[in-house]
Amino acid sequence: MANTHKRLKGRCPTINTFYTVTLCCDSRKPLFVNYLNARLIARELALFSKSNSLNTICYVIMPVHIHWLLQLNSDSNLSNLIRNLKILQLINLIKITELTERYGNQIIMTTK
């Protein structure tokens, strides 16, 4: 992204501050039209919030992006948190896609 360093200059996340984050799919692919993908992302957001000292206030999963309102509970680096979440989501989306391609609709019945 052009001029990212300028936008990030002087930014320092603080405890108990609210942040709104938008996570976009690569090439605007509608990954979250698929119910399993959207459900997986919702579960990941909940688990990630519990394990990373932040509160998820609310989120909206759209077909090509996610809007996420969160509150930091520690002096964690917001950029690193977002990067880690995106990595986890990507890994799990790849796994669920491979399983769905391999077993078809049966995966719907086995995932919880």
C-alpha atoms as a PDB file:
ATOM      1  CA  MET A   1       0.000   0.000   0.000  1.00  0.00           C
ATOM      2  CA  ALA A   2       1.404   3.344  -0.976  1.00  0.00           C
ATOM      3  CA  ASN A   3       2.485   5.721   1.795  1.00  0.00           C
ATOM      4  CA  THR A   4       1.731   3.191   4.545  1.00  0.00           C
ATOM      5  CA  HIS A   5       4.749   4.365   6.528  1.00  0.00           C
ATOM      6  CA  LYS A   6       3.296   7.897   6.583  1.00  0.00           C
ATOM      7  CA  ARG A   7      -0.054   6.700   7.916  1.00  0.00           C
ATOM      8  CA  LEU A   8       1.584   4.617  10.637  1.00  0.00           C
ATOM      9  CA  LYS A   9       4.007   7.322  11.770  1.00  0.00           C
ATOM     10  CA  GLY A  10       3.258   8.356  15.336  1.00  0.00           C
ATOM     11  CA  ARG A  11       0.621   5.669  15.857  1.00  0.00           C
ATOM     12  CA  CYS A  12       0.940   3.948  19.221  1.00  0.00           C
ATOM     13  CA  PRO A  13      -1.874   1.730  20.499  1.00  0.00           C
ATOM     14  CA  THR A  14      -2.914   2.463  24.088  1.00  0.00           C
ATOM     15  CA  ILE A  15      -4.702   0.353  26.694  1.00  0.00           C
ATOM     16  CA  ASN A  16      -8.513   0.561  26.838  1.00  0.00           C
ATOM     17  CA  THR A  17      -8.688   2.402  23.528  1.00  0.00           C
ATOM     18  CA  PHE A  18     -11.242   1.385  20.905  1.00  0.00           C
ATOM     19  CA  TYR A  19     -10.139   0.639  17.359  1.00  0.00           C
ATOM     20  CA  THR A  20     -12.058  -0.101  14.205  1.00  0.00           C
ATOM     21  CA  VAL A  21     -10.329  -2.451  11.801  1.00  0.00           C
ATOM     22  CA  THR A  22     -11.329  -3.481   8.295  1.00  0.00           C
ATOM     23  CA  LEU A  23      -9.858  -6.713   6.975  1.00  0.00           C
ATOM     24  CA  CYS A  24     -10.194  -7.123   3.202  1.00  0.00           C
ATOM     25  CA  CYS A  25      -9.944 -10.271   1.106  1.00  0.00           C
ATOM     26  CA  ASP A  26      -7.162 -10.500  -1.430  1.00  0.00           C
ATOM     27  CA  SER A  27      -8.323  -9.279  -4.861  1.00  0.00           C
ATOM     28  CA  ARG A  28     -11.767  -8.699  -3.357  1.00  0.00           C
ATOM     29  CA  LYS A  29     -12.651 -12.386  -3.629  1.00  0.00           C
ATOM     30  CA  PRO A  30     -16.035 -13.064  -1.964  1.00  0.00           C
ATOM     31  CA  LEU A  31     -14.671 -15.669   0.455  1.00  0.00           C
ATOM     32  CA  PHE A  32     -17.284 -15.045   3.118  1.00  0.00           C
ATOM     33  CA  VAL A  33     -20.302 -15.730   0.923  1.00  0.00           C
ATOM     34  CA  ASN A  34     -19.653 -19.346   1.877  1.00  0.00           C
ATOM     35  CA  TYR A  35     -21.356 -20.027   5.221  1.00  0.00           C
ATOM     36  CA  LEU A  36     -18.544 -22.281   6.476  1.00  0.00           C
ATOM     37  CA  ASN A  37     -15.918 -19.624   5.805  1.00  0.00           C
ATOM     38  CA  ALA A  38     -17.937 -16.916   7.554  1.00  0.00           C
ATOM     39  CA  ARG A  39     -18.619 -19.175  10.537  1.00  0.00           C
ATOM     40  CA  LEU A  40     -14.938 -20.076  10.760  1.00  0.00           C
ATOM     41  CA  ILE A  41     -13.946 -16.404  10.797  1.00  0.00           C
ATOM     42  CA  ALA A  42     -16.523 -15.615  13.492  1.00  0.00           C
ATOM     43  CA  ARG A  43     -15.128 -18.416  15.653  1.00  0.00           C
ATOM     44  CA  GLU A  44     -11.542 -17.248  15.042  1.00  0.00           C
ATOM     45  CA  LEU A  45     -12.392 -13.700  16.115  1.00  0.00           C
ATOM     46  CA  ALA A  46     -13.887 -14.974  19.374  1.00  0.00           C
ATOM     47  CA  LEU A  47     -10.950 -17.256  20.182  1.00  0.00           C
ATOM     48  CA  PHE A  48      -8.399 -14.660  19.154  1.00  0.00           C
ATOM     49  CA  SER A  49     -10.006 -12.059  21.418  1.00  0.00           C
ATOM     50  CA  LYS A  50      -9.835 -14.349  24.441  1.00  0.00           C
ATOM     51  CA  SER A  51      -6.230 -15.333  23.891  1.00  0.00           C
ATOM     52  CA  ASN A  52      -4.807 -11.893  23.017  1.00  0.00           C
ATOM     53  CA  SER A  53      -5.983  -9.476  25.715  1.00  0.00           C
ATOM     54  CA  LEU A  54      -8.561  -7.643  23.675  1.00  0.00           C
ATOM     55  CA  ASN A  55     -12.325  -7.275  23.699  1.00  0.00           C
ATOM     56  CA  THR A  56     -14.316  -7.706  20.547  1.00  0.00           C
ATOM     57  CA  ILE A  57     -17.125  -5.176  20.797  1.00  0.00           C
ATOM     58  CA  CYS A  58     -18.762  -6.162  17.516  1.00  0.00           C
ATOM     59  CA  TYR A  59     -17.966  -7.309  14.010  1.00  0.00           C
ATOM     60  CA  VAL A  60     -19.707  -7.592  10.670  1.00  0.00           C
ATOM     61  CA  ILE A  61     -18.673 -10.203   8.142  1.00  0.00           C
ATOM     62  CA  MET A  62     -19.354  -9.004   4.608  1.00  0.00           C
ATOM     63  CA  PRO A  63     -18.717 -11.049   1.431  1.00  0.00           C
ATOM     64  CA  VAL A  64     -15.297  -9.464   0.728  1.00  0.00           C
ATOM     65  CA  HIS A  65     -14.304  -7.862   4.038  1.00  0.00           C
ATOM     66  CA  ILE A  66     -14.782  -7.759   7.806  1.00  0.00           C
ATOM     67  CA  HIS A  67     -15.471  -4.718   9.983  1.00  0.00           C
ATOM     68  CA  TRP A  68     -14.220  -5.249  13.535  1.00  0.00           C
ATOM     69  CA  LEU A  69     -14.557  -2.959  16.549  1.00  0.00           C
ATOM     70  CA  LEU A  70     -12.182  -3.921  19.343  1.00  0.00           C
ATOM     71  CA  GLN A  71     -10.712  -2.651  22.577  1.00  0.00           C
ATOM     72  CA  LEU A  72      -7.111  -3.353  23.592  1.00  0.00           C
ATOM     73  CA  ASN A  73      -6.666  -4.557  27.185  1.00  0.00           C
ATOM     74  CA  SER A  74      -2.886  -4.483  27.146  1.00  0.00           C
ATOM     75  CA  ASP A  75      -0.104  -2.561  25.495  1.00  0.00           C
ATOM     76  CA  SER A  76       0.059  -5.098  22.668  1.00  0.00           C
ATOM     77  CA  ASN A  77       1.207  -4.001  19.254  1.00  0.00           C
ATOM     78  CA  LEU A  78      -1.979  -3.607  17.200  1.00  0.00           C
ATOM     79  CA  SER A  79      -0.200  -4.250  13.892  1.00  0.00           C
ATOM     80  CA  ASN A  80       1.232  -7.536  15.178  1.00  0.00           C
ATOM     81  CA  LEU A  81      -2.152  -8.614  16.532  1.00  0.00           C
ATOM     82  CA  ILE A  82      -3.829  -7.992  13.174  1.00  0.00           C
ATOM     83  CA  ARG A  83      -1.019  -9.760  11.318  1.00  0.00           C
ATOM     84  CA  ASN A  84      -1.331 -12.807  13.600  1.00  0.00           C
ATOM     85  CA  LEU A  85      -5.103 -12.907  13.175  1.00  0.00           C
ATOM     86  CA  LYS A  86      -4.807 -12.755   9.394  1.00  0.00           C
ATOM     87  CA  ILE A  87      -2.267 -15.592   9.404  1.00  0.00           C
ATOM     88  CA  LEU A  88      -4.530 -17.774  11.574  1.00  0.00           C
ATOM     89  CA  GLN A  89      -7.543 -17.029   9.403  1.00  0.00           C
ATOM     90  CA  LEU A  90      -5.653 -17.828   6.219  1.00  0.00           C
ATOM     91  CA  ILE A  91      -4.367 -21.144   7.570  1.00  0.00           C
ATOM     92  CA  ASN A  92      -7.827 -22.197   8.730  1.00  0.00           C
ATOM     93  CA  LEU A  93      -9.518 -21.082   5.493  1.00  0.00           C
ATOM     94  CA  ILE A  94      -7.032 -23.169   3.515  1.00  0.00           C
ATOM     95  CA  LYS A  95      -7.748 -26.198   5.735  1.00  0.00           C
ATOM     96  CA  ILE A  96     -11.529 -25.883   5.438  1.00  0.00           C
ATOM     97  CA  THR A  97     -11.282 -25.343   1.667  1.00  0.00           C
ATOM     98  CA  GLU A  98      -9.159 -28.466   1.257  1.00  0.00           C
ATOM     99  CA  LEU A  99     -11.558 -30.514   3.382  1.00  0.00           C
ATOM    100  CA  THR A 100     -14.587 -29.249   1.488  1.00  0.00           C
ATOM    101  CA  GLU A 101     -12.958 -30.044  -1.853  1.00  0.00           C
ATOM    102  CA  ARG A 102     -11.994 -33.491  -0.620  1.00  0.00           C
ATOM    103  CA  TYR A 103     -15.237 -34.511   1.143  1.00  0.00           C
ATOM    104  CA  GLY A 104     -17.869 -32.197  -0.311  1.00  0.00           C
ATOM    105  CA  ASN A 105     -20.909 -31.245   1.765  1.00  0.00           C
ATOM    106  CA  GLN A 106     -20.205 -33.925   4.394  1.00  0.00           C
ATOM    107  CA  ILE A 107     -17.858 -31.446   6.081  1.00  0.00           C
ATOM    108  CA  ILE A 108     -20.866 -29.300   7.021  1.00  0.00           C
ATOM    109  CA  MET A 109     -22.121 -32.029   9.300  1.00  0.00           C
ATOM    110  CA  THR A 110     -18.760 -32.683  10.998  1.00  0.00           C
ATOM    111  CA  THR A 111     -17.560 -29.155  11.800  1.00  0.00           C
ATOM    112  CA  LYS A 112     -18.781 -27.477  14.959  1.00  0.00           C
END
